[in-house]
Amino acid sequence: MHFVEKPIMLRDEDLLLNNLRAIYWKREEALIVSDLHIGKSAHFRRHGIAVSAGVQQRDLERLSYLVTLYQPKQILVVGDLFHAEINRDMDAFRNWRHQFSHIDITLIKGNHDRLRSEVYDSFEISCCQKELVLEPFTFIHEPKRTRNEFLISGHIHPGVSIRSRGRPRLRLPCFQVTATQLILPAFSDFTGLATSKVGKGKVFHAFTETSFFEF
């Protein structure tokens, strides 16, 4: 597993971006992730699409690596922790949760987080229905326009498309940053990318297995 970090400062707070698709917030000792979509591979298999359970297992291995590395006190999930219904993939996540039961997990609910409250309780996960405010940031799943707040969001699975001479177009996941918002890449590898053009007021911190690139 290759690992690389990129430090940035937002609203006078030190944040560490990494190419494993997460942020570490030093002051709060918080690991921040979005769009894990636990259960997505089993959901597809249930509907006749052959997707290996190893997809989710690799996501959980990356999450374990980050927890071991940063030793956070809490994990903030900015929406879409689960994908759909309760299914067999939940068992793997439950085993993971038992391994790291000492860490507080807070879920800011996304559009896919529609399970009953007792399910989240069984995983010892605290839920916020719409948003969580931890100054100077507001955590909310779906990006929206704002003037005064600084939002940390997920949902759109941001990416950039790069064209180099003589080579096929390359699409990379990224952290998308503006003056009032940071949008995280989807933590799960089993997601698409919503690629955007570089424009005024936007910074894209794109990454590969070994490097970060800023556009």
C-alpha atoms as a PDB file:
ATOM      1  CA  MET A   1       0.000   0.000   0.000  1.00  0.00           C
ATOM      2  CA  HIS A   2       1.501   3.326  -1.098  1.00  0.00           C
ATOM      3  CA  PHE A   3       0.852   6.348   1.092  1.00  0.00           C
ATOM      4  CA  VAL A   4       1.438  10.057   0.557  1.00  0.00           C
ATOM      5  CA  GLU A   5       0.171  13.149   2.378  1.00  0.00           C
ATOM      6  CA  LYS A   6      -0.373  16.780   1.490  1.00  0.00           C
ATOM      7  CA  PRO A   7      -0.725  19.379   4.259  1.00  0.00           C
ATOM      8  CA  ILE A   8      -3.073  22.294   3.672  1.00  0.00           C
ATOM      9  CA  MET A   9      -4.427  25.064   5.903  1.00  0.00           C
ATOM     10  CA  LEU A  10      -8.095  26.081   5.825  1.00  0.00           C
ATOM     11  CA  ARG A  11      -9.566  28.684   8.151  1.00  0.00           C
ATOM     12  CA  ASP A  12      -6.347  28.569  10.193  1.00  0.00           C
ATOM     13  CA  GLU A  13      -6.718  24.830  10.759  1.00  0.00           C
ATOM     14  CA  ASP A  14      -4.042  22.301   9.799  1.00  0.00           C
ATOM     15  CA  LEU A  15      -5.413  19.467   7.681  1.00  0.00           C
ATOM     16  CA  LEU A  16      -3.593  16.520   6.148  1.00  0.00           C
ATOM     17  CA  LEU A  17      -4.957  15.221   2.868  1.00  0.00           C
ATOM     18  CA  ASN A  18      -3.845  11.747   1.840  1.00  0.00           C
ATOM     19  CA  ASN A  19      -4.027   9.562  -1.234  1.00  0.00           C
ATOM     20  CA  LEU A  20      -6.021   6.945   0.667  1.00  0.00           C
ATOM     21  CA  ARG A  21      -8.981   9.344   0.289  1.00  0.00           C
ATOM     22  CA  ALA A  22      -9.224  10.819   3.768  1.00  0.00           C
ATOM     23  CA  ILE A  23      -8.351  13.911   5.801  1.00  0.00           C
ATOM     24  CA  TYR A  24      -6.768  14.084   9.220  1.00  0.00           C
ATOM     25  CA  TRP A  25      -7.718  17.141  11.291  1.00  0.00           C
ATOM     26  CA  LYS A  26      -4.990  17.636  13.851  1.00  0.00           C
ATOM     27  CA  ARG A  27      -6.775  19.845  16.358  1.00  0.00           C
ATOM     28  CA  GLU A  28      -9.754  17.525  16.743  1.00  0.00           C
ATOM     29  CA  GLU A  29      -7.728  14.318  16.309  1.00  0.00           C
ATOM     30  CA  ALA A  30     -10.338  13.395  13.730  1.00  0.00           C
ATOM     31  CA  LEU A  31     -10.157  11.228  10.643  1.00  0.00           C
ATOM     32  CA  ILE A  32     -12.621  12.532   8.043  1.00  0.00           C
ATOM     33  CA  VAL A  33     -14.009  10.328   5.258  1.00  0.00           C
ATOM     34  CA  SER A  34     -17.040  10.270   2.987  1.00  0.00           C
ATOM     35  CA  ASP A  35     -18.946   7.842   0.786  1.00  0.00           C
ATOM     36  CA  LEU A  36     -17.772   4.447   2.034  1.00  0.00           C
ATOM     37  CA  HIS A  37     -20.925   2.792   0.642  1.00  0.00           C
ATOM     38  CA  ILE A  38     -20.624  -0.284   2.864  1.00  0.00           C
ATOM     39  CA  GLY A  39     -22.820  -3.010   1.386  1.00  0.00           C
ATOM     40  CA  LYS A  40     -22.673  -1.773  -2.195  1.00  0.00           C
ATOM     41  CA  SER A  41     -20.902  -4.830  -3.600  1.00  0.00           C
ATOM     42  CA  ALA A  42     -23.390  -7.225  -1.954  1.00  0.00           C
ATOM     43  CA  HIS A  43     -26.252  -5.044  -3.190  1.00  0.00           C
ATOM     44  CA  PHE A  44     -24.990  -5.426  -6.764  1.00  0.00           C
ATOM     45  CA  ARG A  45     -24.511  -9.186  -6.352  1.00  0.00           C
ATOM     46  CA  ARG A  46     -28.065  -9.462  -5.079  1.00  0.00           C
ATOM     47  CA  HIS A  47     -29.216  -7.907  -8.337  1.00  0.00           C
ATOM     48  CA  GLY A  48     -27.197 -10.306 -10.482  1.00  0.00           C
ATOM     49  CA  ILE A  49     -24.076  -8.189 -11.078  1.00  0.00           C
ATOM     50  CA  ALA A  50     -20.871 -10.028 -10.192  1.00  0.00           C
ATOM     51  CA  VAL A  51     -18.853  -7.756  -7.886  1.00  0.00           C
ATOM     52  CA  SER A  52     -16.214  -9.239  -5.612  1.00  0.00           C
ATOM     53  CA  ALA A  53     -16.541  -8.818  -1.846  1.00  0.00           C
ATOM     54  CA  GLY A  54     -12.831  -8.013  -1.972  1.00  0.00           C
ATOM     55  CA  VAL A  55     -13.708  -4.482  -3.114  1.00  0.00           C
ATOM     56  CA  GLN A  56     -15.117  -3.617   0.300  1.00  0.00           C
ATOM     57  CA  GLN A  57     -12.406  -5.545   2.107  1.00  0.00           C
ATOM     58  CA  ARG A  58      -9.732  -3.413   0.467  1.00  0.00           C
ATOM     59  CA  ASP A  59     -11.602  -0.275   1.541  1.00  0.00           C
ATOM     60  CA  LEU A  60     -11.663  -1.506   5.128  1.00  0.00           C
ATOM     61  CA  GLU A  61      -7.973  -2.351   4.973  1.00  0.00           C
ATOM     62  CA  ARG A  62      -7.218   1.225   3.915  1.00  0.00           C
ATOM     63  CA  LEU A  63      -9.376   2.522   6.755  1.00  0.00           C
ATOM     64  CA  SER A  64      -7.557   0.273   9.224  1.00  0.00           C
ATOM     65  CA  TYR A  65      -4.219   1.561   7.948  1.00  0.00           C
ATOM     66  CA  LEU A  66      -5.285   5.166   8.473  1.00  0.00           C
ATOM     67  CA  VAL A  67      -6.599   4.510  11.981  1.00  0.00           C
ATOM     68  CA  THR A  68      -3.378   2.743  12.931  1.00  0.00           C
ATOM     69  CA  LEU A  69      -1.290   5.548  11.442  1.00  0.00           C
ATOM     70  CA  TYR A  70      -3.086   8.592  12.867  1.00  0.00           C
ATOM     71  CA  GLN A  71      -4.540   7.080  16.056  1.00  0.00           C
ATOM     72  CA  PRO A  72      -7.606   9.360  15.870  1.00  0.00           C
ATOM     73  CA  LYS A  73     -10.007   9.817  18.725  1.00  0.00           C
ATOM     74  CA  GLN A  74     -12.909  10.059  16.315  1.00  0.00           C
ATOM     75  CA  ILE A  75     -13.969   9.342  12.754  1.00  0.00           C
ATOM     76  CA  LEU A  76     -16.316  11.767  11.016  1.00  0.00           C
ATOM     77  CA  VAL A  77     -18.187  10.189   8.089  1.00  0.00           C
ATOM     78  CA  VAL A  78     -19.600  12.906   5.835  1.00  0.00           C
ATOM     79  CA  GLY A  79     -22.450  10.817   4.494  1.00  0.00           C
ATOM     80  CA  ASP A  80     -23.157   7.535   2.714  1.00  0.00           C
ATOM     81  CA  LEU A  81     -21.503   5.218   5.194  1.00  0.00           C
ATOM     82  CA  PHE A  82     -23.884   2.470   4.040  1.00  0.00           C
ATOM     83  CA  HIS A  83     -25.181   1.985   0.518  1.00  0.00           C
ATOM     84  CA  ALA A  84     -28.614   0.402   0.790  1.00  0.00           C
ATOM     85  CA  GLU A  85     -30.218  -2.472   2.665  1.00  0.00           C
ATOM     86  CA  ILE A  86     -28.686  -4.667   5.365  1.00  0.00           C
ATOM     87  CA  ASN A  87     -26.705  -7.437   3.665  1.00  0.00           C
ATOM     88  CA  ARG A  88     -23.718  -9.749   4.122  1.00  0.00           C
ATOM     89  CA  ASP A  89     -21.181  -6.979   3.669  1.00  0.00           C
ATOM     90  CA  MET A  90     -22.342  -5.593   7.015  1.00  0.00           C
ATOM     91  CA  ASP A  91     -20.717  -8.537   8.786  1.00  0.00           C
ATOM     92  CA  ALA A  92     -17.265  -7.499   7.596  1.00  0.00           C
ATOM     93  CA  PHE A  93     -17.878  -3.951   8.752  1.00  0.00           C
ATOM     94  CA  ARG A  94     -19.139  -5.188  12.109  1.00  0.00           C
ATOM     95  CA  ASN A  95     -15.897  -7.136  12.580  1.00  0.00           C
ATOM     96  CA  TRP A  96     -13.956  -4.009  11.673  1.00  0.00           C
ATOM     97  CA  ARG A  97     -15.967  -1.955  14.161  1.00  0.00           C
ATOM     98  CA  HIS A  98     -15.235  -4.403  16.971  1.00  0.00           C
ATOM     99  CA  GLN A  99     -11.532  -4.075  16.248  1.00  0.00           C
ATOM    100  CA  PHE A 100     -11.703  -0.292  16.633  1.00  0.00           C
ATOM    101  CA  SER A 101     -14.505  -0.003  19.181  1.00  0.00           C
ATOM    102  CA  HIS A 102     -12.522   2.581  21.191  1.00  0.00           C
ATOM    103  CA  ILE A 103     -12.932   5.185  18.440  1.00  0.00           C
ATOM    104  CA  ASP A 104     -16.011   7.400  18.333  1.00  0.00           C
ATOM    105  CA  ILE A 105     -17.750   7.408  14.950  1.00  0.00           C
ATOM    106  CA  THR A 106     -20.111  10.192  13.944  1.00  0.00           C
ATOM    107  CA  LEU A 107     -22.144   9.926  10.759  1.00  0.00           C
ATOM    108  CA  ILE A 108     -23.573  12.983   9.063  1.00  0.00           C
ATOM    109  CA  LYS A 109     -26.321  11.225   7.149  1.00  0.00           C
ATOM    110  CA  GLY A 110     -26.238  11.157   3.357  1.00  0.00           C
ATOM    111  CA  ASN A 111     -28.850  10.258   0.766  1.00  0.00           C
ATOM    112  CA  HIS A 112     -27.990   6.533   1.027  1.00  0.00           C
ATOM    113  CA  ASP A 113     -28.089   6.403   4.839  1.00  0.00           C
ATOM    114  CA  ARG A 114     -31.686   5.255   5.205  1.00  0.00           C
ATOM    115  CA  LEU A 115     -31.404   2.394   7.701  1.00  0.00           C
ATOM    116  CA  ARG A 116     -33.322   2.314  10.966  1.00  0.00           C
ATOM    117  CA  SER A 117     -31.746   4.125  13.892  1.00  0.00           C
ATOM    118  CA  GLU A 118     -31.273   0.863  15.817  1.00  0.00           C
ATOM    119  CA  VAL A 119     -28.938  -0.383  13.073  1.00  0.00           C
ATOM    120  CA  TYR A 120     -26.596   2.560  13.613  1.00  0.00           C
ATOM    121  CA  ASP A 121     -26.901   2.053  17.364  1.00  0.00           C
ATOM    122  CA  SER A 122     -25.816  -1.568  16.973  1.00  0.00           C
ATOM    123  CA  PHE A 123     -22.578  -0.329  15.376  1.00  0.00           C
ATOM    124  CA  GLU A 124     -22.126   2.304  18.120  1.00  0.00           C
ATOM    125  CA  ILE A 125     -22.397   5.100  15.573  1.00  0.00           C
ATOM    126  CA  SER A 126     -23.727   8.534  16.493  1.00  0.00           C
ATOM    127  CA  CYS A 127     -25.857  10.113  13.764  1.00  0.00           C
ATOM    128  CA  CYS A 128     -26.559  13.674  12.734  1.00  0.00           C
ATOM    129  CA  GLN A 129     -29.561  14.047  10.472  1.00  0.00           C
ATOM    130  CA  LYS A 130     -28.286  16.905   8.310  1.00  0.00           C
ATOM    131  CA  GLU A 131     -25.123  18.587   9.506  1.00  0.00           C
ATOM    132  CA  LEU A 132     -22.487  18.808  12.199  1.00  0.00           C
ATOM    133  CA  VAL A 133     -20.865  22.079  13.227  1.00  0.00           C
ATOM    134  CA  LEU A 134     -17.338  21.931  14.602  1.00  0.00           C
ATOM    135  CA  GLU A 135     -15.972  25.439  14.267  1.00  0.00           C
ATOM    136  CA  PRO A 136     -14.716  26.658  11.885  1.00  0.00           C
ATOM    137  CA  PHE A 137     -16.274  23.919   9.719  1.00  0.00           C
ATOM    138  CA  THR A 138     -19.771  22.684   8.966  1.00  0.00           C
ATOM    139  CA  PHE A 139     -19.962  19.055   7.856  1.00  0.00           C
ATOM    140  CA  ILE A 140     -22.808  18.255   5.461  1.00  0.00           C
ATOM    141  CA  HIS A 141     -23.119  15.491   2.877  1.00  0.00           C
ATOM    142  CA  GLU A 142     -24.350  17.326  -0.207  1.00  0.00           C
ATOM    143  CA  PRO A 143     -22.478  20.473  -1.286  1.00  0.00           C
ATOM    144  CA  LYS A 144     -24.449  23.706  -1.386  1.00  0.00           C
ATOM    145  CA  ARG A 145     -23.792  27.377  -1.960  1.00  0.00           C
ATOM    146  CA  THR A 146     -22.736  29.342   1.104  1.00  0.00           C
ATOM    147  CA  ARG A 147     -21.176  32.676   1.937  1.00  0.00           C
ATOM    148  CA  ASN A 148     -20.434  32.606   5.638  1.00  0.00           C
ATOM    149  CA  GLU A 149     -19.844  28.959   6.526  1.00  0.00           C
ATOM    150  CA  PHE A 150     -16.992  26.731   5.424  1.00  0.00           C
ATOM    151  CA  LEU A 151     -18.485  23.415   4.389  1.00  0.00           C
ATOM    152  CA  ILE A 152     -16.812  20.021   4.274  1.00  0.00           C
ATOM    153  CA  SER A 153     -18.872  17.729   2.056  1.00  0.00           C
ATOM    154  CA  GLY A 154     -18.865  14.580  -0.052  1.00  0.00           C
ATOM    155  CA  HIS A 155     -21.537  13.133  -2.345  1.00  0.00           C
ATOM    156  CA  ILE A 156     -20.304  14.112  -5.814  1.00  0.00           C
ATOM    157  CA  HIS A 157     -17.119  11.956  -5.902  1.00  0.00           C
ATOM    158  CA  PRO A 158     -14.948  14.738  -7.411  1.00  0.00           C
ATOM    159  CA  GLY A 159     -12.269  14.054  -9.983  1.00  0.00           C
ATOM    160  CA  VAL A 160     -10.188  15.787 -12.634  1.00  0.00           C
ATOM    161  CA  SER A 161      -9.532  14.809 -16.222  1.00  0.00           C
ATOM    162  CA  ILE A 162      -5.988  15.292 -17.520  1.00  0.00           C
ATOM    163  CA  ARG A 163      -4.877  15.102 -21.121  1.00  0.00           C
ATOM    164  CA  SER A 164      -1.193  14.767 -21.984  1.00  0.00           C
ATOM    165  CA  ARG A 165       0.182  14.744 -25.515  1.00  0.00           C
ATOM    166  CA  GLY A 166       0.225  11.304 -27.107  1.00  0.00           C
ATOM    167  CA  ARG A 167      -1.449   9.575 -24.157  1.00  0.00           C
ATOM    168  CA  PRO A 168      -5.038   8.649 -23.267  1.00  0.00           C
ATOM    169  CA  ARG A 169      -6.959  11.022 -21.038  1.00  0.00           C
ATOM    170  CA  LEU A 170      -6.280  10.311 -17.355  1.00  0.00           C
ATOM    171  CA  ARG A 171      -9.008  10.662 -14.724  1.00  0.00           C
ATOM    172  CA  LEU A 172      -7.914  11.122 -11.109  1.00  0.00           C
ATOM    173  CA  PRO A 173      -9.874  11.437  -7.847  1.00  0.00           C
ATOM    174  CA  CYS A 174      -9.302  14.660  -5.967  1.00  0.00           C
ATOM    175  CA  PHE A 175     -10.120  16.926  -3.056  1.00  0.00           C
ATOM    176  CA  GLN A 176     -11.954  19.943  -4.491  1.00  0.00           C
ATOM    177  CA  VAL A 177     -11.452  23.215  -2.591  1.00  0.00           C
ATOM    178  CA  THR A 178     -12.967  26.679  -2.940  1.00  0.00           C
ATOM    179  CA  ALA A 179     -13.044  29.692  -0.626  1.00  0.00           C
ATOM    180  CA  THR A 180     -16.018  28.228   1.253  1.00  0.00           C
ATOM    181  CA  GLN A 181     -15.960  24.486   0.679  1.00  0.00           C
ATOM    182  CA  LEU A 182     -13.904  21.313   0.579  1.00  0.00           C
ATOM    183  CA  ILE A 183     -15.408  18.271  -1.146  1.00  0.00           C
ATOM    184  CA  LEU A 184     -13.868  14.905  -0.312  1.00  0.00           C
ATOM    185  CA  PRO A 185     -13.296  12.111  -2.809  1.00  0.00           C
ATOM    186  CA  ALA A 186     -15.371   8.991  -2.301  1.00  0.00           C
ATOM    187  CA  PHE A 187     -13.528   6.721   0.112  1.00  0.00           C
ATOM    188  CA  SER A 188     -14.725   3.585  -1.636  1.00  0.00           C
ATOM    189  CA  ASP A 189     -12.900   2.566  -4.792  1.00  0.00           C
ATOM    190  CA  PHE A 190     -16.202   1.177  -6.080  1.00  0.00           C
ATOM    191  CA  THR A 191     -17.559   4.557  -7.207  1.00  0.00           C
ATOM    192  CA  GLY A 192     -17.469   6.706 -10.298  1.00  0.00           C
ATOM    193  CA  LEU A 193     -15.849  10.121 -10.716  1.00  0.00           C
ATOM    194  CA  ALA A 194     -17.594  13.416 -11.425  1.00  0.00           C
ATOM    195  CA  THR A 195     -14.832  15.160 -13.332  1.00  0.00           C
ATOM    196  CA  SER A 196     -14.773  18.958 -13.490  1.00  0.00           C
ATOM    197  CA  LYS A 197     -12.823  21.498 -15.463  1.00  0.00           C
ATOM    198  CA  VAL A 198     -10.294  23.646 -13.654  1.00  0.00           C
ATOM    199  CA  GLY A 199     -11.897  27.044 -13.163  1.00  0.00           C
ATOM    200  CA  LYS A 200     -11.443  30.293 -11.339  1.00  0.00           C
ATOM    201  CA  GLY A 201     -11.784  29.945  -7.592  1.00  0.00           C
ATOM    202  CA  LYS A 202     -11.377  26.159  -7.562  1.00  0.00           C
ATOM    203  CA  VAL A 203      -8.323  24.160  -6.508  1.00  0.00           C
ATOM    204  CA  PHE A 204      -8.107  20.439  -7.230  1.00  0.00           C
ATOM    205  CA  HIS A 205      -5.749  18.362  -5.101  1.00  0.00           C
ATOM    206  CA  ALA A 206      -5.610  15.263  -7.305  1.00  0.00           C
ATOM    207  CA  PHE A 207      -3.624  12.178  -6.418  1.00  0.00           C
ATOM    208  CA  THR A 208      -2.232   8.883  -7.626  1.00  0.00           C
ATOM    209  CA  GLU A 209      -0.745   6.008  -5.646  1.00  0.00           C
ATOM    210  CA  THR A 210       2.512   7.935  -5.215  1.00  0.00           C
ATOM    211  CA  SER A 211       1.914  11.665  -5.729  1.00  0.00           C
ATOM    212  CA  PHE A 212      -0.309  14.714  -5.319  1.00  0.00           C
ATOM    213  CA  PHE A 213      -0.929  17.214  -8.119  1.00  0.00           C
ATOM    214  CA  GLU A 214      -2.506  20.630  -7.708  1.00  0.00           C
ATOM    215  CA  PHE A 215      -4.580  22.209 -10.483  1.00  0.00           C
END
